[in-house]
N, C-alpha and C. Protein backbone atom coordinates (compact mmCIF):
# COMPACT_ATOMS: atom_id res chain seq x y z
N MET A 1 -14.24 -51.04 -137.19
CA MET A 1 -13.65 -52.75 -137.11
C MET A 1 -12.58 -53.35 -138.38
N ASN A 2 -11.89 -53.78 -138.51
CA ASN A 2 -10.59 -54.15 -139.10
C ASN A 2 -10.97 -55.23 -140.27
N THR A 3 -11.57 -56.19 -139.40
CA THR A 3 -12.00 -57.87 -139.12
C THR A 3 -13.34 -58.10 -139.45
N ILE A 4 -13.78 -58.40 -140.60
CA ILE A 4 -14.89 -58.64 -141.38
C ILE A 4 -15.70 -59.94 -139.75
N VAL A 5 -17.24 -59.40 -139.85
CA VAL A 5 -17.65 -60.55 -139.20
C VAL A 5 -18.63 -60.89 -140.05
N SER A 6 -19.27 -62.39 -140.14
CA SER A 6 -20.34 -62.93 -140.76
C SER A 6 -21.19 -63.43 -139.97
N ILE A 7 -22.12 -62.72 -140.52
CA ILE A 7 -23.18 -63.71 -139.40
C ILE A 7 -23.75 -64.92 -140.45
N ILE A 8 -23.77 -66.36 -140.24
CA ILE A 8 -24.41 -67.65 -140.72
C ILE A 8 -25.46 -68.01 -139.34
N PRO A 9 -26.11 -69.05 -140.30
CA PRO A 9 -26.90 -69.77 -139.09
C PRO A 9 -26.70 -70.68 -138.10
N TYR A 10 -26.85 -70.83 -137.25
CA TYR A 10 -26.75 -72.10 -136.01
C TYR A 10 -26.47 -73.12 -136.93
N SER A 11 -25.44 -73.79 -136.37
CA SER A 11 -25.50 -75.53 -136.64
C SER A 11 -25.36 -75.67 -135.05
N ASP A 12 -25.16 -76.93 -135.30
CA ASP A 12 -25.13 -77.92 -133.76
C ASP A 12 -23.46 -77.64 -133.16
N ALA A 13 -23.05 -77.29 -134.36
CA ALA A 13 -21.23 -76.81 -133.62
C ALA A 13 -21.49 -75.39 -132.71
N TYR A 14 -22.55 -74.98 -133.16
CA TYR A 14 -22.48 -73.55 -131.98
C TYR A 14 -23.79 -73.93 -130.96
N GLN A 15 -23.75 -74.38 -130.62
CA GLN A 15 -24.80 -74.81 -129.49
C GLN A 15 -23.81 -74.09 -127.69
N ASP A 16 -22.56 -74.77 -127.92
CA ASP A 16 -22.14 -74.04 -126.36
C ASP A 16 -21.67 -73.11 -126.71
N ALA A 17 -21.20 -72.41 -127.76
CA ALA A 17 -21.14 -70.98 -128.00
C ALA A 17 -22.68 -70.20 -127.78
N PHE A 18 -23.86 -70.47 -127.99
CA PHE A 18 -24.67 -70.07 -128.13
C PHE A 18 -25.04 -69.92 -126.48
N ARG A 19 -25.06 -71.29 -125.36
CA ARG A 19 -25.33 -71.36 -124.22
C ARG A 19 -24.60 -70.40 -123.89
N GLN A 20 -23.34 -70.62 -123.90
CA GLN A 20 -22.29 -69.66 -123.06
C GLN A 20 -22.38 -67.87 -123.28
N LEU A 21 -22.33 -67.56 -124.51
CA LEU A 21 -22.45 -66.27 -124.68
C LEU A 21 -23.74 -65.93 -124.13
N ASN A 22 -24.77 -66.24 -124.03
CA ASN A 22 -26.40 -65.85 -123.03
C ASN A 22 -25.76 -66.13 -121.46
N GLU A 23 -25.54 -67.00 -121.24
CA GLU A 23 -25.48 -67.40 -119.62
C GLU A 23 -24.10 -66.26 -119.27
N GLU A 24 -23.31 -65.97 -120.30
CA GLU A 24 -22.42 -64.93 -119.62
C GLU A 24 -22.86 -63.60 -119.05
N TRP A 25 -23.51 -63.49 -120.21
CA TRP A 25 -24.28 -61.61 -119.32
C TRP A 25 -25.96 -61.94 -119.01
N ILE A 26 -26.53 -63.32 -118.72
CA ILE A 26 -27.62 -63.38 -118.15
C ILE A 26 -27.14 -63.49 -116.50
N VAL A 27 -26.03 -64.35 -115.96
CA VAL A 27 -25.19 -64.45 -114.67
C VAL A 27 -24.74 -63.35 -114.10
N LYS A 28 -24.37 -62.56 -114.80
CA LYS A 28 -23.43 -61.07 -114.94
C LYS A 28 -24.25 -60.02 -113.76
N TYR A 29 -25.70 -59.95 -114.69
CA TYR A 29 -26.92 -59.07 -114.06
C TYR A 29 -27.97 -59.49 -113.15
N PHE A 30 -28.22 -60.86 -113.28
CA PHE A 30 -29.01 -61.62 -113.05
C PHE A 30 -29.22 -63.06 -112.54
N GLU A 31 -30.25 -63.94 -112.69
CA GLU A 31 -29.53 -65.48 -112.26
C GLU A 31 -30.50 -66.23 -113.50
N LEU A 32 -30.11 -67.49 -113.93
CA LEU A 32 -30.48 -68.18 -114.88
C LEU A 32 -31.99 -68.58 -114.56
N GLU A 33 -33.16 -68.26 -115.25
CA GLU A 33 -34.58 -68.97 -114.96
C GLU A 33 -34.51 -70.38 -115.84
N GLU A 34 -35.79 -70.67 -115.71
CA GLU A 34 -35.99 -72.20 -116.35
C GLU A 34 -36.34 -72.11 -117.79
N MET A 35 -36.68 -70.77 -118.23
CA MET A 35 -37.01 -70.75 -119.30
C MET A 35 -35.87 -70.49 -120.53
N ASP A 36 -34.39 -69.89 -119.56
CA ASP A 36 -33.45 -69.65 -120.18
C ASP A 36 -32.68 -70.90 -120.18
N LYS A 37 -33.21 -71.96 -119.44
CA LYS A 37 -31.90 -73.00 -119.40
C LYS A 37 -33.05 -74.31 -119.96
N ARG A 38 -34.16 -73.60 -120.41
CA ARG A 38 -34.70 -74.84 -121.37
C ARG A 38 -34.26 -74.26 -122.84
N ALA A 39 -34.32 -73.02 -123.14
CA ALA A 39 -34.07 -72.52 -124.70
C ALA A 39 -32.36 -72.69 -124.83
N LEU A 40 -31.44 -72.50 -123.80
CA LEU A 40 -29.84 -72.86 -123.60
C LEU A 40 -29.44 -73.83 -124.40
N ASN A 41 -29.95 -74.69 -123.23
CA ASN A 41 -29.33 -76.15 -123.36
C ASN A 41 -30.57 -77.07 -124.76
N HIS A 42 -31.31 -76.71 -125.10
CA HIS A 42 -32.22 -77.66 -126.52
C HIS A 42 -32.89 -76.48 -127.45
N PRO A 43 -31.78 -76.02 -128.02
CA PRO A 43 -31.97 -74.78 -129.16
C PRO A 43 -32.67 -75.03 -129.92
N LYS A 44 -32.41 -76.34 -130.13
CA LYS A 44 -32.72 -77.39 -131.60
C LYS A 44 -34.12 -77.23 -131.36
N GLU A 45 -34.68 -78.40 -130.61
CA GLU A 45 -35.92 -78.55 -129.49
C GLU A 45 -36.87 -76.95 -129.73
N TYR A 46 -36.53 -76.51 -128.89
CA TYR A 46 -37.13 -74.97 -128.23
C TYR A 46 -37.39 -74.06 -129.25
N ILE A 47 -36.62 -74.12 -130.26
CA ILE A 47 -36.54 -72.74 -131.06
C ILE A 47 -36.64 -73.22 -132.50
N LEU A 48 -35.65 -74.09 -132.83
CA LEU A 48 -35.37 -74.44 -134.87
C LEU A 48 -36.87 -75.35 -135.05
N ASP A 49 -37.16 -76.70 -133.92
CA ASP A 49 -37.80 -76.92 -134.23
C ASP A 49 -39.35 -76.53 -134.50
N LYS A 50 -39.47 -75.45 -134.03
CA LYS A 50 -40.56 -75.07 -133.33
C LYS A 50 -41.14 -73.48 -134.59
N GLY A 51 -39.77 -73.35 -135.84
CA GLY A 51 -39.81 -72.57 -136.60
C GLY A 51 -39.12 -71.76 -136.80
N GLY A 52 -38.32 -71.53 -135.23
CA GLY A 52 -37.27 -70.00 -135.14
C GLY A 52 -36.25 -70.43 -135.65
N TYR A 53 -35.70 -69.39 -135.59
CA TYR A 53 -34.10 -69.56 -135.96
C TYR A 53 -32.96 -68.55 -135.18
N ILE A 54 -31.89 -68.94 -135.46
CA ILE A 54 -30.82 -68.33 -134.64
C ILE A 54 -29.62 -68.39 -135.75
N ALA A 55 -29.17 -66.95 -135.43
CA ALA A 55 -28.34 -66.60 -135.98
C ALA A 55 -26.69 -66.31 -135.17
N VAL A 56 -25.06 -66.65 -135.77
CA VAL A 56 -24.25 -66.74 -135.28
C VAL A 56 -23.58 -65.94 -135.48
N ALA A 57 -22.68 -64.75 -135.25
CA ALA A 57 -21.69 -63.97 -135.27
C ALA A 57 -20.56 -63.99 -135.14
N LEU A 58 -19.33 -64.50 -136.28
CA LEU A 58 -18.18 -64.86 -136.74
C LEU A 58 -17.48 -63.54 -136.65
N TRP A 59 -16.34 -63.60 -135.60
CA TRP A 59 -15.15 -62.19 -135.97
C TRP A 59 -14.02 -63.11 -135.61
N GLU A 60 -12.77 -63.51 -136.48
CA GLU A 60 -11.76 -63.81 -136.41
C GLU A 60 -11.87 -65.71 -136.37
N GLY A 61 -13.39 -65.86 -136.70
CA GLY A 61 -13.25 -67.19 -136.75
C GLY A 61 -13.75 -67.71 -135.63
N LEU A 62 -14.11 -67.06 -134.84
CA LEU A 62 -15.14 -67.18 -133.09
C LEU A 62 -16.22 -66.90 -133.08
N ALA A 63 -17.60 -67.50 -132.68
CA ALA A 63 -18.36 -67.40 -132.30
C ALA A 63 -18.62 -66.26 -131.40
N VAL A 64 -19.06 -64.86 -131.85
CA VAL A 64 -18.59 -63.73 -130.51
C VAL A 64 -20.06 -63.51 -129.92
N GLY A 65 -20.90 -63.98 -131.26
CA GLY A 65 -22.62 -63.05 -130.54
C GLY A 65 -23.46 -64.03 -131.40
N VAL A 66 -24.80 -63.82 -130.61
CA VAL A 66 -25.77 -65.10 -131.24
C VAL A 66 -27.26 -64.19 -130.75
N CYS A 67 -28.02 -64.51 -131.50
CA CYS A 67 -29.14 -63.70 -131.73
C CYS A 67 -30.40 -64.77 -132.17
N ALA A 68 -31.86 -64.82 -131.87
CA ALA A 68 -32.55 -66.24 -132.42
C ALA A 68 -33.74 -65.29 -132.24
N LEU A 69 -34.95 -65.99 -133.16
CA LEU A 69 -35.97 -65.31 -132.99
C LEU A 69 -37.34 -66.58 -132.93
N ILE A 70 -37.66 -66.44 -132.06
CA ILE A 70 -38.81 -67.58 -131.35
C ILE A 70 -39.94 -67.58 -131.70
N PRO A 71 -40.67 -68.50 -132.54
CA PRO A 71 -42.41 -68.12 -132.83
C PRO A 71 -43.24 -67.50 -131.35
N CYS A 72 -43.83 -66.52 -131.75
CA CYS A 72 -44.24 -66.25 -130.46
C CYS A 72 -45.59 -66.22 -130.75
N SER A 73 -46.04 -66.73 -129.48
CA SER A 73 -47.61 -67.24 -128.89
C SER A 73 -48.14 -66.01 -128.72
N HIS A 74 -47.43 -64.91 -128.07
CA HIS A 74 -48.66 -63.92 -127.94
C HIS A 74 -49.40 -63.13 -129.35
N GLU A 75 -50.44 -62.90 -129.47
CA GLU A 75 -51.46 -62.77 -130.31
C GLU A 75 -50.99 -61.17 -130.99
N GLY A 76 -50.83 -60.93 -132.17
CA GLY A 76 -50.84 -59.76 -132.88
C GLY A 76 -48.50 -59.64 -133.16
N TYR A 77 -48.30 -60.83 -132.60
CA TYR A 77 -46.57 -60.92 -132.89
C TYR A 77 -46.16 -62.14 -133.44
N ASP A 78 -45.43 -62.21 -134.27
CA ASP A 78 -45.27 -63.28 -135.30
C ASP A 78 -43.84 -64.49 -134.50
N PHE A 79 -42.71 -63.38 -133.89
CA PHE A 79 -41.51 -63.65 -133.48
C PHE A 79 -41.30 -62.88 -132.21
N GLU A 80 -40.68 -63.49 -131.11
CA GLU A 80 -39.83 -62.89 -130.18
C GLU A 80 -38.16 -62.86 -130.64
N LEU A 81 -38.05 -61.70 -130.83
CA LEU A 81 -36.63 -61.52 -130.68
C LEU A 81 -35.69 -61.92 -129.44
N SER A 82 -34.84 -62.99 -129.09
CA SER A 82 -34.57 -63.75 -127.72
C SER A 82 -33.10 -63.71 -128.06
N LYS A 83 -32.61 -64.00 -126.90
CA LYS A 83 -31.26 -64.66 -126.74
C LYS A 83 -30.32 -63.84 -127.02
N MET A 84 -30.42 -62.43 -127.44
CA MET A 84 -28.97 -62.08 -127.81
C MET A 84 -28.04 -61.48 -127.19
N GLY A 85 -27.14 -62.27 -127.51
CA GLY A 85 -25.63 -62.28 -126.77
C GLY A 85 -24.29 -61.69 -127.41
N VAL A 86 -23.17 -61.11 -127.48
CA VAL A 86 -22.35 -60.88 -127.36
C VAL A 86 -20.95 -60.57 -126.72
N SER A 87 -20.01 -61.31 -127.12
CA SER A 87 -19.16 -61.49 -125.88
C SER A 87 -18.36 -60.21 -125.29
N PRO A 88 -18.31 -60.15 -124.17
CA PRO A 88 -17.47 -58.82 -123.62
C PRO A 88 -16.39 -58.37 -124.91
N LYS A 89 -15.87 -59.65 -125.10
CA LYS A 89 -13.76 -59.12 -125.88
C LYS A 89 -14.48 -58.50 -127.29
N ALA A 90 -15.63 -58.60 -127.71
CA ALA A 90 -16.61 -58.27 -128.70
C ALA A 90 -17.29 -56.94 -128.74
N GLN A 91 -17.77 -56.62 -127.92
CA GLN A 91 -18.19 -55.53 -127.68
C GLN A 91 -17.67 -54.10 -128.13
N GLY A 92 -18.89 -53.12 -128.82
CA GLY A 92 -18.19 -51.89 -128.63
C GLY A 92 -17.90 -51.84 -130.44
N LYS A 93 -17.66 -53.34 -131.06
CA LYS A 93 -17.58 -53.37 -132.60
C LYS A 93 -18.45 -53.40 -133.62
N GLY A 94 -19.90 -53.14 -132.65
CA GLY A 94 -21.17 -52.55 -133.85
C GLY A 94 -21.92 -54.16 -134.29
N ILE A 95 -21.54 -55.20 -133.59
CA ILE A 95 -21.63 -56.50 -133.62
C ILE A 95 -23.11 -56.95 -133.40
N GLY A 96 -23.65 -56.31 -132.26
CA GLY A 96 -25.14 -56.27 -132.01
C GLY A 96 -25.71 -56.24 -132.88
N LYS A 97 -25.46 -54.60 -133.59
CA LYS A 97 -26.09 -54.32 -134.73
C LYS A 97 -26.51 -54.93 -135.90
N LEU A 98 -25.57 -55.59 -136.18
CA LEU A 98 -25.43 -56.49 -137.44
C LEU A 98 -25.95 -57.62 -136.77
N LEU A 99 -26.00 -58.17 -135.83
CA LEU A 99 -27.03 -59.36 -135.53
C LEU A 99 -28.43 -58.81 -135.62
N GLY A 100 -28.55 -57.70 -135.15
CA GLY A 100 -30.36 -57.10 -134.67
C GLY A 100 -30.34 -57.09 -136.47
N GLU A 101 -30.23 -56.32 -137.46
CA GLU A 101 -30.21 -56.26 -138.48
C GLU A 101 -30.51 -57.64 -139.36
N HIS A 102 -29.49 -58.61 -138.63
CA HIS A 102 -29.88 -59.67 -139.50
C HIS A 102 -31.07 -60.54 -139.64
N ILE A 103 -31.34 -59.99 -137.98
CA ILE A 103 -32.69 -60.56 -137.48
C ILE A 103 -33.73 -60.50 -137.96
N ILE A 104 -34.00 -59.33 -138.34
CA ILE A 104 -35.15 -58.31 -138.47
C ILE A 104 -35.53 -58.76 -140.09
N ALA A 105 -33.82 -58.85 -140.90
CA ALA A 105 -34.13 -59.09 -142.18
C ALA A 105 -34.87 -60.79 -142.43
N LYS A 106 -34.24 -61.42 -141.48
CA LYS A 106 -34.74 -63.15 -141.36
C LYS A 106 -36.46 -62.93 -141.31
N ALA A 107 -36.77 -62.25 -139.96
CA ALA A 107 -38.15 -62.25 -140.04
C ALA A 107 -38.90 -62.24 -140.80
N LYS A 108 -38.69 -60.64 -141.71
CA LYS A 108 -39.05 -60.17 -142.53
C LYS A 108 -39.01 -61.42 -144.14
N GLU A 109 -38.16 -62.04 -144.25
CA GLU A 109 -38.08 -62.87 -145.14
C GLU A 109 -39.02 -64.38 -144.86
N LEU A 110 -39.46 -64.70 -143.87
CA LEU A 110 -39.98 -65.62 -143.01
C LEU A 110 -41.68 -65.12 -143.11
N GLY A 111 -41.66 -63.72 -143.34
CA GLY A 111 -43.06 -63.02 -143.45
C GLY A 111 -43.71 -62.62 -142.26
N ALA A 112 -42.98 -62.29 -141.03
CA ALA A 112 -42.89 -61.19 -140.08
C ALA A 112 -43.61 -60.17 -140.30
N LYS A 113 -44.54 -60.10 -139.34
CA LYS A 113 -45.18 -58.21 -139.84
C LYS A 113 -44.96 -57.60 -138.25
N LYS A 114 -44.82 -58.51 -137.06
CA LYS A 114 -44.66 -57.71 -135.85
C LYS A 114 -43.33 -58.38 -134.96
N LEU A 115 -42.90 -57.96 -134.49
CA LEU A 115 -41.84 -58.60 -133.79
C LEU A 115 -41.73 -58.50 -132.18
N PHE A 116 -41.43 -58.51 -131.40
CA PHE A 116 -41.89 -58.48 -129.46
C PHE A 116 -40.37 -59.04 -129.22
N LEU A 117 -39.71 -58.36 -128.04
CA LEU A 117 -38.66 -58.72 -127.33
C LEU A 117 -39.27 -57.82 -125.93
N GLU A 118 -38.09 -58.84 -124.79
CA GLU A 118 -37.89 -58.29 -123.74
C GLU A 118 -37.04 -58.00 -123.20
N SER A 119 -36.36 -57.15 -122.31
CA SER A 119 -35.17 -56.81 -122.06
C SER A 119 -35.78 -56.25 -120.43
N ASN A 120 -34.36 -55.54 -119.75
CA ASN A 120 -34.68 -54.91 -118.54
C ASN A 120 -33.69 -53.68 -118.16
N ARG A 121 -34.46 -52.43 -118.22
CA ARG A 121 -33.82 -51.41 -118.21
C ARG A 121 -32.44 -50.69 -117.58
N LYS A 122 -31.69 -52.08 -116.68
CA LYS A 122 -30.77 -51.85 -116.78
C LYS A 122 -29.64 -52.35 -117.37
N LEU A 123 -30.28 -52.73 -118.56
CA LEU A 123 -28.96 -52.89 -119.84
C LEU A 123 -29.65 -52.28 -120.81
N GLY A 124 -28.48 -50.77 -120.45
CA GLY A 124 -28.87 -49.33 -121.02
C GLY A 124 -28.25 -50.04 -122.41
N PRO A 125 -27.22 -50.27 -123.14
CA PRO A 125 -26.72 -50.41 -124.43
C PRO A 125 -27.54 -51.13 -124.81
N ALA A 126 -28.17 -52.36 -124.61
CA ALA A 126 -29.10 -53.19 -125.09
C ALA A 126 -30.26 -52.80 -125.57
N LEU A 127 -30.68 -51.80 -124.91
CA LEU A 127 -31.85 -50.80 -125.18
C LEU A 127 -31.80 -49.82 -125.99
N SER A 128 -30.71 -49.66 -125.92
CA SER A 128 -30.34 -48.36 -126.71
C SER A 128 -30.09 -49.09 -128.38
N LEU A 129 -29.52 -50.19 -128.50
CA LEU A 129 -29.41 -51.05 -129.58
C LEU A 129 -30.71 -51.33 -130.23
N TYR A 130 -31.68 -51.57 -129.53
CA TYR A 130 -33.39 -51.70 -129.85
C TYR A 130 -33.54 -50.76 -130.74
N LYS A 131 -33.82 -49.46 -130.23
CA LYS A 131 -34.06 -48.43 -130.23
C LYS A 131 -33.81 -48.24 -131.72
N LYS A 132 -32.40 -47.82 -131.85
CA LYS A 132 -32.10 -48.13 -133.18
C LYS A 132 -32.44 -48.42 -133.91
N LEU A 133 -32.84 -50.07 -133.92
CA LEU A 133 -33.32 -50.88 -134.66
C LEU A 133 -34.60 -50.47 -135.20
N GLY A 134 -35.47 -49.51 -134.02
CA GLY A 134 -36.56 -49.28 -134.68
C GLY A 134 -38.07 -49.90 -133.35
N PHE A 135 -37.26 -50.72 -132.83
CA PHE A 135 -38.18 -50.99 -131.53
C PHE A 135 -38.54 -50.24 -130.66
N ARG A 136 -39.90 -50.09 -130.22
CA ARG A 136 -40.55 -48.87 -129.19
C ARG A 136 -41.47 -49.61 -128.16
N GLU A 137 -40.95 -48.95 -127.32
CA GLU A 137 -41.82 -49.71 -126.08
C GLU A 137 -43.21 -49.91 -125.47
N MET A 138 -43.44 -50.99 -125.32
CA MET A 138 -44.74 -51.26 -124.72
C MET A 138 -45.29 -51.99 -123.85
N THR A 139 -46.36 -52.75 -123.73
CA THR A 139 -46.86 -52.84 -121.95
C THR A 139 -48.27 -53.66 -122.10
N GLN A 140 -48.16 -55.20 -122.60
CA GLN A 140 -49.40 -55.69 -122.47
C GLN A 140 -49.29 -57.03 -122.25
N ILE A 141 -48.07 -57.87 -122.14
CA ILE A 141 -47.81 -58.73 -122.51
C ILE A 141 -47.23 -59.11 -120.89
N ALA A 142 -48.20 -60.61 -120.46
CA ALA A 142 -47.21 -60.95 -118.97
C ALA A 142 -45.92 -61.70 -119.67
N SER A 143 -45.11 -61.79 -118.51
CA SER A 143 -43.71 -61.89 -119.04
C SER A 143 -43.11 -63.30 -117.94
N PRO A 144 -43.00 -64.52 -118.73
CA PRO A 144 -42.63 -65.62 -117.60
C PRO A 144 -40.99 -65.31 -117.51
N TYR A 145 -40.48 -64.10 -117.30
CA TYR A 145 -39.27 -63.95 -117.08
C TYR A 145 -38.91 -62.94 -116.10
N SER A 146 -38.70 -63.42 -114.58
CA SER A 146 -38.38 -62.45 -113.45
C SER A 146 -38.03 -60.92 -113.70
N ARG A 147 -36.84 -61.58 -114.56
CA ARG A 147 -36.15 -60.34 -114.88
C ARG A 147 -36.17 -58.88 -115.51
N SER A 148 -37.51 -59.42 -116.47
CA SER A 148 -38.29 -58.34 -117.48
C SER A 148 -38.69 -57.26 -116.74
N ASP A 149 -38.27 -56.29 -117.48
CA ASP A 149 -39.09 -55.08 -116.50
C ASP A 149 -39.53 -54.13 -117.75
N ILE A 150 -38.97 -54.65 -119.30
CA ILE A 150 -39.42 -53.45 -120.11
C ILE A 150 -39.76 -54.62 -121.59
N GLN A 151 -40.92 -54.66 -122.60
CA GLN A 151 -41.19 -55.12 -123.51
C GLN A 151 -41.20 -53.93 -124.95
N MET A 152 -40.72 -54.63 -125.52
CA MET A 152 -40.77 -53.66 -127.18
C MET A 152 -41.37 -54.35 -128.29
N GLU A 153 -41.89 -53.65 -128.93
CA GLU A 153 -42.37 -54.31 -130.19
C GLU A 153 -41.94 -53.61 -131.59
N LEU A 154 -41.84 -54.30 -132.77
CA LEU A 154 -41.19 -53.73 -133.66
C LEU A 154 -42.31 -54.25 -134.76
N ASN A 155 -42.97 -52.75 -135.71
CA ASN A 155 -43.63 -53.11 -136.64
C ASN A 155 -42.53 -53.12 -137.92
N ILE A 156 -42.98 -54.37 -138.62
CA ILE A 156 -41.87 -54.70 -139.86
C ILE A 156 -42.50 -54.23 -141.14
N ASN A 157 -41.99 -53.20 -141.94
CA ASN A 157 -42.71 -52.51 -143.10
C ASN A 157 -42.34 -53.45 -143.87
């Protein structure tokens, strides 16, 4: 990649990008669910005000990727890695990996010991990325998403 990507904390200026980058991949493969709408339309209330964090990847000055840490209510997990999306125009440039590494470092900074995520097996590149980041498959939590058919966890050392 010959252009520098920077990862910055979310601000209200990126609310549209946060929603659009997630809606783009969700509607391509699935359909928006009520939980998506809540988080994507109200990230401050649903994520940030609860102690969460959202990262925004900027490439050539444009928001091309996002990822959130949402405080997790599931016992034994501190945060859920959620709402990760990278624009199709920026895919294949390592932006998802940079976002994932940034989010894990932020979780560690916030004192997290264990992360959780949900995905779908048809999202091969995403699952491959999660495995590279150290996530391992697990099954023990009921999902609020009908599209979720795989859950993963990461122990943070």
